[in-house]
Amino acid sequence: QRIQFLVIGASAAVVEESVFRGYLQPALIARTNLVGGVLIGATVFSLYHLFMGPNPFNLLGKLLFGVILGALRGRDRSLVAPVLAHFAFWQVIGSL
């Protein structure tokens, strides 16, 4: 099970951060501003996770997580910090 969370965490972190923070967020920032790009990107990120269930608390949690990951991306314009944070999140969830 630990290996499963390592694989899922690594693949989800790289793929999702590449799409949401690597591609979508810069495009949204170019059309709005930093705050708008992060907030809209985080909203799309949370809606993408609807397959986990339409629980409002889950959506709010994903929205807040998306804002944090977006802020990490906006801080140094690198995907390293959001990828590592996303991966770390999966490892914590896997240890519960």
PDB file of N, CA and C in Angstrom:
ATOM      1  N   GLN A   1       0.829  -1.188   0.000  1.00  0.00           N
ATOM      2  CA  GLN A   1       0.000   0.000   0.000  1.00  0.00           C
ATOM      3  C   GLN A   1       0.877   1.257   0.000  1.00  0.00           C
ATOM      4  N   ARG A   2       1.995   1.207   0.713  1.00  0.00           N
ATOM      5  CA  ARG A   2       2.918   2.349   0.749  1.00  0.00           C
ATOM      6  C   ARG A   2       3.450   2.652  -0.655  1.00  0.00           C
ATOM      7  N   ILE A   3       3.791   1.598  -1.393  1.00  0.00           N
ATOM      8  CA  ILE A   3       4.292   1.782  -2.761  1.00  0.00           C
ATOM      9  C   ILE A   3       3.203   2.386  -3.640  1.00  0.00           C
ATOM     10  N   GLN A   4       1.969   1.963  -3.430  1.00  0.00           N
ATOM     11  CA  GLN A   4       0.850   2.511  -4.193  1.00  0.00           C
ATOM     12  C   GLN A   4       0.736   4.017  -3.974  1.00  0.00           C
ATOM     13  N   PHE A   5       0.856   4.478  -2.736  1.00  0.00           N
ATOM     14  CA  PHE A   5       0.771   5.906  -2.467  1.00  0.00           C
ATOM     15  C   PHE A   5       1.989   6.661  -3.001  1.00  0.00           C
ATOM     16  N   LEU A   6       3.147   6.021  -3.019  1.00  0.00           N
ATOM     17  CA  LEU A   6       4.322   6.652  -3.623  1.00  0.00           C
ATOM     18  C   LEU A   6       4.108   6.868  -5.116  1.00  0.00           C
ATOM     19  N   VAL A   7       3.591   5.847  -5.798  1.00  0.00           N
ATOM     20  CA  VAL A   7       3.369   5.937  -7.240  1.00  0.00           C
ATOM     21  C   VAL A   7       2.253   6.928  -7.561  1.00  0.00           C
ATOM     22  N   ILE A   8       1.138   6.810  -6.863  1.00  0.00           N
ATOM     23  CA  ILE A   8       0.014   7.733  -7.098  1.00  0.00           C
ATOM     24  C   ILE A   8       0.441   9.158  -6.770  1.00  0.00           C
ATOM     25  N   GLY A   9       1.117   9.328  -5.652  1.00  0.00           N
ATOM     26  CA  GLY A   9       1.557  10.667  -5.250  1.00  0.00           C
ATOM     27  C   GLY A   9       2.486  11.297  -6.262  1.00  0.00           C
ATOM     28  N   ALA A  10       3.445  10.533  -6.734  1.00  0.00           N
ATOM     29  CA  ALA A  10       4.402  11.072  -7.705  1.00  0.00           C
ATOM     30  C   ALA A  10       3.718  11.393  -9.027  1.00  0.00           C
ATOM     31  N   SER A  11       2.892  10.473  -9.521  1.00  0.00           N
ATOM     32  CA  SER A  11       2.255  10.721 -10.816  1.00  0.00           C
ATOM     33  C   SER A  11       1.218  11.839 -10.731  1.00  0.00           C
ATOM     34  N   ALA A  12       0.411  11.857  -9.688  1.00  0.00           N
ATOM     35  CA  ALA A  12      -0.582  12.927  -9.538  1.00  0.00           C
ATOM     36  C   ALA A  12       0.107  14.277  -9.387  1.00  0.00           C
ATOM     37  N   ALA A  13       1.167  14.316  -8.597  1.00  0.00           N
ATOM     38  CA  ALA A  13       1.868  15.580  -8.373  1.00  0.00           C
ATOM     39  C   ALA A  13       2.440  16.130  -9.679  1.00  0.00           C
ATOM     40  N   VAL A  14       3.119  15.303 -10.417  1.00  0.00           N
ATOM     41  CA  VAL A  14       3.765  15.780 -11.649  1.00  0.00           C
ATOM     42  C   VAL A  14       2.724  16.146 -12.705  1.00  0.00           C
ATOM     43  N   VAL A  15       1.761  15.262 -12.943  1.00  0.00           N
ATOM     44  CA  VAL A  15       0.774  15.507 -13.997  1.00  0.00           C
ATOM     45  C   VAL A  15      -0.128  16.684 -13.648  1.00  0.00           C
ATOM     46  N   GLU A  16      -0.726  16.661 -12.465  1.00  0.00           N
ATOM     47  CA  GLU A  16      -1.667  17.724 -12.104  1.00  0.00           C
ATOM     48  C   GLU A  16      -0.976  19.073 -11.978  1.00  0.00           C
ATOM     49  N   GLU A  17       0.198  19.116 -11.405  1.00  0.00           N
ATOM     50  CA  GLU A  17       0.883  20.402 -11.277  1.00  0.00           C
ATOM     51  C   GLU A  17       1.346  20.925 -12.632  1.00  0.00           C
ATOM     52  N   SER A  18       1.736  20.035 -13.530  1.00  0.00           N
ATOM     53  CA  SER A  18       2.113  20.469 -14.876  1.00  0.00           C
ATOM     54  C   SER A  18       0.921  21.102 -15.592  1.00  0.00           C
ATOM     55  N   VAL A  19      -0.242  20.468 -15.445  1.00  0.00           N
ATOM     56  CA  VAL A  19      -1.448  20.980 -16.116  1.00  0.00           C
ATOM     57  C   VAL A  19      -1.971  22.241 -15.430  1.00  0.00           C
ATOM     58  N   PHE A  20      -2.225  22.158 -14.127  1.00  0.00           N
ATOM     59  CA  PHE A  20      -2.907  23.258 -13.433  1.00  0.00           C
ATOM     60  C   PHE A  20      -1.991  24.438 -13.132  1.00  0.00           C
ATOM     61  N   ARG A  21      -0.806  24.181 -12.612  1.00  0.00           N
ATOM     62  CA  ARG A  21       0.097  25.284 -12.262  1.00  0.00           C
ATOM     63  C   ARG A  21       1.095  25.595 -13.371  1.00  0.00           C
ATOM     64  N   GLY A  22       1.423  24.616 -14.208  1.00  0.00           N
ATOM     65  CA  GLY A  22       2.397  24.848 -15.267  1.00  0.00           C
ATOM     66  C   GLY A  22       1.803  25.458 -16.518  1.00  0.00           C
ATOM     67  N   TYR A  23       0.580  25.073 -16.852  1.00  0.00           N
ATOM     68  CA  TYR A  23      -0.058  25.564 -18.068  1.00  0.00           C
ATOM     69  C   TYR A  23      -1.222  26.513 -17.781  1.00  0.00           C
ATOM     70  N   LEU A  24      -2.200  26.044 -17.009  1.00  0.00           N
ATOM     71  CA  LEU A  24      -3.427  26.817 -16.800  1.00  0.00           C
ATOM     72  C   LEU A  24      -3.185  28.113 -16.025  1.00  0.00           C
ATOM     73  N   GLN A  25      -2.480  28.021 -14.909  1.00  0.00           N
ATOM     74  CA  GLN A  25      -2.296  29.221 -14.074  1.00  0.00           C
ATOM     75  C   GLN A  25      -1.587  30.357 -14.816  1.00  0.00           C
ATOM     76  N   PRO A  26      -0.477  30.125 -15.524  1.00  0.00           N
ATOM     77  CA  PRO A  26       0.142  31.236 -16.254  1.00  0.00           C
ATOM     78  C   PRO A  26      -0.781  31.840 -17.323  1.00  0.00           C
ATOM     79  N   ALA A  27      -1.588  30.979 -17.980  1.00  0.00           N
ATOM     80  CA  ALA A  27      -2.527  31.489 -18.987  1.00  0.00           C
ATOM     81  C   ALA A  27      -3.594  32.371 -18.332  1.00  0.00           C
ATOM     82  N   LEU A  28      -4.079  31.951 -17.173  1.00  0.00           N
ATOM     83  CA  LEU A  28      -5.087  32.749 -16.463  1.00  0.00           C
ATOM     84  C   LEU A  28      -4.492  34.049 -15.929  1.00  0.00           C
ATOM     85  N   ILE A  29      -3.272  33.994 -15.437  1.00  0.00           N
ATOM     86  CA  ILE A  29      -2.608  35.206 -14.943  1.00  0.00           C
ATOM     87  C   ILE A  29      -2.427  36.203 -16.072  1.00  0.00           C
ATOM     88  N   ALA A  30      -2.097  35.713 -17.257  1.00  0.00           N
ATOM     89  CA  ALA A  30      -1.915  36.599 -18.409  1.00  0.00           C
ATOM     90  C   ALA A  30      -3.218  37.302 -18.787  1.00  0.00           C
ATOM     91  N   ARG A  31      -4.346  36.643 -18.530  1.00  0.00           N
ATOM     92  CA  ARG A  31      -5.647  37.228 -18.869  1.00  0.00           C
ATOM     93  C   ARG A  31      -6.241  38.054 -17.733  1.00  0.00           C
ATOM     94  N   THR A  32      -5.826  37.774 -16.504  1.00  0.00           N
ATOM     95  CA  THR A  32      -6.371  38.507 -15.352  1.00  0.00           C
ATOM     96  C   THR A  32      -5.217  39.158 -14.601  1.00  0.00           C
ATOM     97  N   ASN A  33      -4.862  38.618 -13.469  1.00  0.00           N
ATOM     98  CA  ASN A  33      -3.701  39.048 -12.676  1.00  0.00           C
ATOM     99  C   ASN A  33      -3.292  37.865 -11.813  1.00  0.00           C
ATOM    100  N   LEU A  34      -2.285  38.024 -10.976  1.00  0.00           N
ATOM    101  CA  LEU A  34      -1.788  36.908 -10.172  1.00  0.00           C
ATOM    102  C   LEU A  34      -2.876  36.320  -9.281  1.00  0.00           C
ATOM    103  N   VAL A  35      -3.576  37.167  -8.553  1.00  0.00           N
ATOM    104  CA  VAL A  35      -4.612  36.679  -7.629  1.00  0.00           C
ATOM    105  C   VAL A  35      -5.742  35.999  -8.401  1.00  0.00           C
ATOM    106  N   GLY A  36      -6.188  36.634  -9.462  1.00  0.00           N
ATOM    107  CA  GLY A  36      -7.259  36.052 -10.275  1.00  0.00           C
ATOM    108  C   GLY A  36      -6.853  34.722 -10.877  1.00  0.00           C
ATOM    109  N   GLY A  37      -5.632  34.643 -11.394  1.00  0.00           N
ATOM    110  CA  GLY A  37      -5.147  33.394 -11.980  1.00  0.00           C
ATOM    111  C   GLY A  37      -5.065  32.272 -10.976  1.00  0.00           C
ATOM    112  N   VAL A  38      -4.584  32.595  -9.775  1.00  0.00           N
ATOM    113  CA  VAL A  38      -4.483  31.572  -8.726  1.00  0.00           C
ATOM    114  C   VAL A  38      -5.877  31.122  -8.288  1.00  0.00           C
ATOM    115  N   LEU A  39      -6.788  32.055  -8.079  1.00  0.00           N
ATOM    116  CA  LEU A  39      -8.134  31.703  -7.610  1.00  0.00           C
ATOM    117  C   LEU A  39      -8.939  30.932  -8.654  1.00  0.00           C
ATOM    118  N   ILE A  40      -8.872  31.359  -9.901  1.00  0.00           N
ATOM    119  CA  ILE A  40      -9.607  30.645 -10.953  1.00  0.00           C
ATOM    120  C   ILE A  40      -8.988  29.264 -11.163  1.00  0.00           C
ATOM    121  N   GLY A  41      -7.661  29.200 -11.171  1.00  0.00           N
ATOM    122  CA  GLY A  41      -6.988  27.910 -11.320  1.00  0.00           C
ATOM    123  C   GLY A  41      -7.321  26.955 -10.183  1.00  0.00           C
ATOM    124  N   ALA A  42      -7.376  27.477  -8.965  1.00  0.00           N
ATOM    125  CA  ALA A  42      -7.721  26.648  -7.809  1.00  0.00           C
ATOM    126  C   ALA A  42      -9.168  26.169  -7.898  1.00  0.00           C
ATOM    127  N   THR A  43     -10.043  26.996  -8.424  1.00  0.00           N
ATOM    128  CA  THR A  43     -11.441  26.597  -8.603  1.00  0.00           C
ATOM    129  C   THR A  43     -11.553  25.465  -9.618  1.00  0.00           C
ATOM    130  N   VAL A  44     -10.852  25.603 -10.729  1.00  0.00           N
ATOM    131  CA  VAL A  44     -10.861  24.547 -11.742  1.00  0.00           C
ATOM    132  C   VAL A  44     -10.263  23.260 -11.164  1.00  0.00           C
ATOM    133  N   PHE A  45      -9.190  23.389 -10.393  1.00  0.00           N
ATOM    134  CA  PHE A  45      -8.557  22.246  -9.732  1.00  0.00           C
ATOM    135  C   PHE A  45      -9.556  21.534  -8.824  1.00  0.00           C
ATOM    136  N   SER A  46     -10.313  22.286  -8.044  1.00  0.00           N
ATOM    137  CA  SER A  46     -11.278  21.657  -7.134  1.00  0.00           C
ATOM    138  C   SER A  46     -12.412  20.998  -7.921  1.00  0.00           C
ATOM    139  N   LEU A  47     -12.876  21.625  -8.989  1.00  0.00           N
ATOM    140  CA  LEU A  47     -13.941  21.037  -9.798  1.00  0.00           C
ATOM    141  C   LEU A  47     -13.464  19.774 -10.518  1.00  0.00           C
ATOM    142  N   TYR A  48     -12.201  19.755 -10.906  1.00  0.00           N
ATOM    143  CA  TYR A  48     -11.620  18.564 -11.526  1.00  0.00           C
ATOM    144  C   TYR A  48     -11.715  17.356 -10.586  1.00  0.00           C
ATOM    145  N   HIS A  49     -11.654  17.605  -9.301  1.00  0.00           N
ATOM    146  CA  HIS A  49     -11.689  16.528  -8.313  1.00  0.00           C
ATOM    147  C   HIS A  49     -13.110  16.140  -7.892  1.00  0.00           C
ATOM    148  N   LEU A  50     -14.124  16.568  -8.636  1.00  0.00           N
ATOM    149  CA  LEU A  50     -15.506  16.174  -8.327  1.00  0.00           C
ATOM    150  C   LEU A  50     -15.705  14.662  -8.383  1.00  0.00           C
ATOM    151  N   PHE A  51     -14.867  13.968  -9.152  1.00  0.00           N
ATOM    152  CA  PHE A  51     -15.007  12.521  -9.228  1.00  0.00           C
ATOM    153  C   PHE A  51     -14.807  11.855  -7.865  1.00  0.00           C
ATOM    154  N   MET A  52     -14.179  12.562  -6.932  1.00  0.00           N
ATOM    155  CA  MET A  52     -13.987  12.035  -5.578  1.00  0.00           C
ATOM    156  C   MET A  52     -15.267  12.152  -4.761  1.00  0.00           C
ATOM    157  N   GLY A  53     -16.258  12.786  -5.319  1.00  0.00           N
ATOM    158  CA  GLY A  53     -17.535  12.963  -4.644  1.00  0.00           C
ATOM    159  C   GLY A  53     -17.866  14.436  -4.523  1.00  0.00           C
ATOM    160  N   PRO A  54     -19.135  14.788  -4.700  1.00  0.00           N
ATOM    161  CA  PRO A  54     -19.540  16.194  -4.671  1.00  0.00           C
ATOM    162  C   PRO A  54     -19.706  16.744  -3.254  1.00  0.00           C
ATOM    163  N   ASN A  55     -18.920  16.254  -2.333  1.00  0.00           N
ATOM    164  CA  ASN A  55     -18.969  16.725  -0.955  1.00  0.00           C
ATOM    165  C   ASN A  55     -18.451  18.164  -0.881  1.00  0.00           C
ATOM    166  N   PRO A  56     -19.241  19.113  -0.347  1.00  0.00           N
ATOM    167  CA  PRO A  56     -18.790  20.511  -0.282  1.00  0.00           C
ATOM    168  C   PRO A  56     -17.495  20.689   0.509  1.00  0.00           C
ATOM    169  N   PHE A  57     -17.291  19.875   1.539  1.00  0.00           N
ATOM    170  CA  PHE A  57     -16.056  19.996   2.320  1.00  0.00           C
ATOM    171  C   PHE A  57     -14.849  19.535   1.504  1.00  0.00           C
ATOM    172  N   ASN A  58     -15.040  18.498   0.694  1.00  0.00           N
ATOM    173  CA  ASN A  58     -13.979  18.030  -0.183  1.00  0.00           C
ATOM    174  C   ASN A  58     -13.629  19.118  -1.208  1.00  0.00           C
ATOM    175  N   LEU A  59     -14.657  19.717  -1.802  1.00  0.00           N
ATOM    176  CA  LEU A  59     -14.415  20.778  -2.787  1.00  0.00           C
ATOM    177  C   LEU A  59     -13.729  21.983  -2.154  1.00  0.00           C
ATOM    178  N   LEU A  60     -14.153  22.358  -0.960  1.00  0.00           N
ATOM    179  CA  LEU A  60     -13.521  23.480  -0.267  1.00  0.00           C
ATOM    180  C   LEU A  60     -12.070  23.147   0.072  1.00  0.00           C
ATOM    181  N   GLY A  61     -11.827  21.923   0.520  1.00  0.00           N
ATOM    182  CA  GLY A  61     -10.462  21.501   0.817  1.00  0.00           C
ATOM    183  C   GLY A  61      -9.574  21.537  -0.411  1.00  0.00           C
ATOM    184  N   LYS A  62     -10.087  21.053  -1.534  1.00  0.00           N
ATOM    185  CA  LYS A  62      -9.315  21.089  -2.788  1.00  0.00           C
ATOM    186  C   LYS A  62      -9.110  22.519  -3.261  1.00  0.00           C
ATOM    187  N   LEU A  63     -10.102  23.378  -3.049  1.00  0.00           N
ATOM    188  CA  LEU A  63      -9.948  24.782  -3.420  1.00  0.00           C
ATOM    189  C   LEU A  63      -8.819  25.431  -2.606  1.00  0.00           C
ATOM    190  N   LEU A  64      -8.826  25.217  -1.311  1.00  0.00           N
ATOM    191  CA  LEU A  64      -7.771  25.785  -0.460  1.00  0.00           C
ATOM    192  C   LEU A  64      -6.406  25.199  -0.801  1.00  0.00           C
ATOM    193  N   PHE A  65      -6.360  23.900  -1.067  1.00  0.00           N
ATOM    194  CA  PHE A  65      -5.111  23.261  -1.461  1.00  0.00           C
ATOM    195  C   PHE A  65      -4.624  23.837  -2.791  1.00  0.00           C
ATOM    196  N   GLY A  66      -5.553  24.073  -3.715  1.00  0.00           N
ATOM    197  CA  GLY A  66      -5.199  24.682  -5.002  1.00  0.00           C
ATOM    198  C   GLY A  66      -4.653  26.091  -4.848  1.00  0.00           C
ATOM    199  N   VAL A  67      -5.213  26.855  -3.916  1.00  0.00           N
ATOM    200  CA  VAL A  67      -4.701  28.202  -3.655  1.00  0.00           C
ATOM    201  C   VAL A  67      -3.282  28.127  -3.097  1.00  0.00           C
ATOM    202  N   ILE A  68      -3.057  27.205  -2.171  1.00  0.00           N
ATOM    203  CA  ILE A  68      -1.713  27.052  -1.599  1.00  0.00           C
ATOM    204  C   ILE A  68      -0.715  26.647  -2.677  1.00  0.00           C
ATOM    205  N   LEU A  69      -1.071  25.662  -3.490  1.00  0.00           N
ATOM    206  CA  LEU A  69      -0.174  25.225  -4.555  1.00  0.00           C
ATOM    207  C   LEU A  69       0.051  26.340  -5.577  1.00  0.00           C
ATOM    208  N   GLY A  70      -0.997  27.092  -5.880  1.00  0.00           N
ATOM    209  CA  GLY A  70      -0.864  28.221  -6.799  1.00  0.00           C
ATOM    210  C   GLY A  70       0.036  29.306  -6.243  1.00  0.00           C
ATOM    211  N   ALA A  71      -0.070  29.555  -4.953  1.00  0.00           N
ATOM    212  CA  ALA A  71       0.796  30.557  -4.316  1.00  0.00           C
ATOM    213  C   ALA A  71       2.245  30.083  -4.332  1.00  0.00           C
ATOM    214  N   LEU A  72       2.468  28.795  -4.125  1.00  0.00           N
ATOM    215  CA  LEU A  72       3.831  28.263  -4.200  1.00  0.00           C
ATOM    216  C   LEU A  72       4.399  28.440  -5.602  1.00  0.00           C
ATOM    217  N   ARG A  73       3.572  28.230  -6.607  1.00  0.00           N
ATOM    218  CA  ARG A  73       3.993  28.418  -8.004  1.00  0.00           C
ATOM    219  C   ARG A  73       4.240  29.892  -8.295  1.00  0.00           C
ATOM    220  N   GLY A  74       3.378  30.742  -7.776  1.00  0.00           N
ATOM    221  CA  GLY A  74       3.509  32.174  -8.025  1.00  0.00           C
ATOM    222  C   GLY A  74       4.690  32.794  -7.310  1.00  0.00           C
ATOM    223  N   ARG A  75       5.111  32.181  -6.205  1.00  0.00           N
ATOM    224  CA  ARG A  75       6.191  32.732  -5.394  1.00  0.00           C
ATOM    225  C   ARG A  75       7.518  32.716  -6.132  1.00  0.00           C
ATOM    226  N   ASP A  76       7.892  31.568  -6.678  1.00  0.00           N
ATOM    227  CA  ASP A  76       9.202  31.486  -7.327  1.00  0.00           C
ATOM    228  C   ASP A  76       9.128  31.080  -8.793  1.00  0.00           C
ATOM    229  N   ARG A  77       7.916  31.010  -9.331  1.00  0.00           N
ATOM    230  CA  ARG A  77       7.667  30.685 -10.735  1.00  0.00           C
ATOM    231  C   ARG A  77       8.250  29.346 -11.162  1.00  0.00           C
ATOM    232  N   SER A  78       8.361  28.453 -10.214  1.00  0.00           N
ATOM    233  CA  SER A  78       8.861  27.112 -10.481  1.00  0.00           C
ATOM    234  C   SER A  78       7.796  26.104 -10.066  1.00  0.00           C
ATOM    235  N   LEU A  79       7.802  24.955 -10.707  1.00  0.00           N
ATOM    236  CA  LEU A  79       6.859  23.898 -10.337  1.00  0.00           C
ATOM    237  C   LEU A  79       7.405  22.988  -9.241  1.00  0.00           C
ATOM    238  N   VAL A  80       8.655  23.181  -8.850  1.00  0.00           N
ATOM    239  CA  VAL A  80       9.270  22.291  -7.865  1.00  0.00           C
ATOM    240  C   VAL A  80       8.500  22.323  -6.541  1.00  0.00           C
ATOM    241  N   ALA A  81       8.246  23.499  -5.992  1.00  0.00           N
ATOM    242  CA  ALA A  81       7.569  23.600  -4.692  1.00  0.00           C
ATOM    243  C   ALA A  81       6.157  23.014  -4.729  1.00  0.00           C
ATOM    244  N   PRO A  82       5.303  23.359  -5.724  1.00  0.00           N
ATOM    245  CA  PRO A  82       3.973  22.747  -5.728  1.00  0.00           C
ATOM    246  C   PRO A  82       3.998  21.230  -5.964  1.00  0.00           C
ATOM    247  N   VAL A  83       4.921  20.745  -6.785  1.00  0.00           N
ATOM    248  CA  VAL A  83       5.014  19.305  -7.003  1.00  0.00           C
ATOM    249  C   VAL A  83       5.405  18.602  -5.703  1.00  0.00           C
ATOM    250  N   LEU A  84       6.401  19.138  -5.014  1.00  0.00           N
ATOM    251  CA  LEU A  84       6.830  18.530  -3.748  1.00  0.00           C
ATOM    252  C   LEU A  84       5.726  18.591  -2.689  1.00  0.00           C
ATOM    253  N   ALA A  85       5.001  19.707  -2.628  1.00  0.00           N
ATOM    254  CA  ALA A  85       3.909  19.833  -1.658  1.00  0.00           C
ATOM    255  C   ALA A  85       2.790  18.850  -1.974  1.00  0.00           C
ATOM    256  N   HIS A  86       2.463  18.721  -3.247  1.00  0.00           N
ATOM    257  CA  HIS A  86       1.410  17.795  -3.669  1.00  0.00           C
ATOM    258  C   HIS A  86       1.824  16.358  -3.349  1.00  0.00           C
ATOM    259  N   PHE A  87       3.071  16.014  -3.644  1.00  0.00           N
ATOM    260  CA  PHE A  87       3.583  14.684  -3.340  1.00  0.00           C
ATOM    261  C   PHE A  87       3.567  14.422  -1.834  1.00  0.00           C
ATOM    262  N   ALA A  88       4.005  15.394  -1.054  1.00  0.00           N
ATOM    263  CA  ALA A  88       4.029  15.251   0.409  1.00  0.00           C
ATOM    264  C   ALA A  88       2.618  15.033   0.952  1.00  0.00           C
ATOM    265  N   PHE A  89       1.647  15.738   0.391  1.00  0.00           N
ATOM    266  CA  PHE A  89       0.256  15.565   0.798  1.00  0.00           C
ATOM    267  C   PHE A  89      -0.178  14.114   0.613  1.00  0.00           C
ATOM    268  N   TRP A  90       0.149  13.532  -0.537  1.00  0.00           N
ATOM    269  CA  TRP A  90      -0.219  12.146  -0.793  1.00  0.00           C
ATOM    270  C   TRP A  90       0.462  11.202   0.188  1.00  0.00           C
ATOM    271  N   GLN A  91       1.679  11.514   0.579  1.00  0.00           N
ATOM    272  CA  GLN A  91       2.380  10.641   1.518  1.00  0.00           C
ATOM    273  C   GLN A  91       1.754  10.721   2.909  1.00  0.00           C
ATOM    274  N   VAL A  92       1.310  11.908   3.293  1.00  0.00           N
ATOM    275  CA  VAL A  92       0.628  12.046   4.590  1.00  0.00           C
ATOM    276  C   VAL A  92      -0.703  11.295   4.563  1.00  0.00           C
ATOM    277  N   ILE A  93      -1.467  11.482   3.503  1.00  0.00           N
ATOM    278  CA  ILE A  93      -2.752  10.781   3.380  1.00  0.00           C
ATOM    279  C   ILE A  93      -2.523   9.268   3.397  1.00  0.00           C
ATOM    280  N   GLY A  94      -1.462   8.814   2.732  1.00  0.00           N
ATOM    281  CA  GLY A  94      -1.177   7.386   2.675  1.00  0.00           C
ATOM    282  C   GLY A  94      -0.754   6.802   4.004  1.00  0.00           C
ATOM    283  N   SER A  95      -0.270   7.648   4.900  1.00  0.00           N
ATOM    284  CA  SER A  95       0.181   7.137   6.201  1.00  0.00           C
ATOM    285  C   SER A  95      -0.946   7.108   7.234  1.00  0.00           C
ATOM    286  N   LEU A  96      -2.103   7.680   6.893  1.00  0.00           N
ATOM    287  CA  LEU A  96      -3.222   7.688   7.845  1.00  0.00           C
ATOM    288  C   LEU A  96      -3.959   6.366   7.879  1.00  0.00           C
TER     289      LEU A  96
END
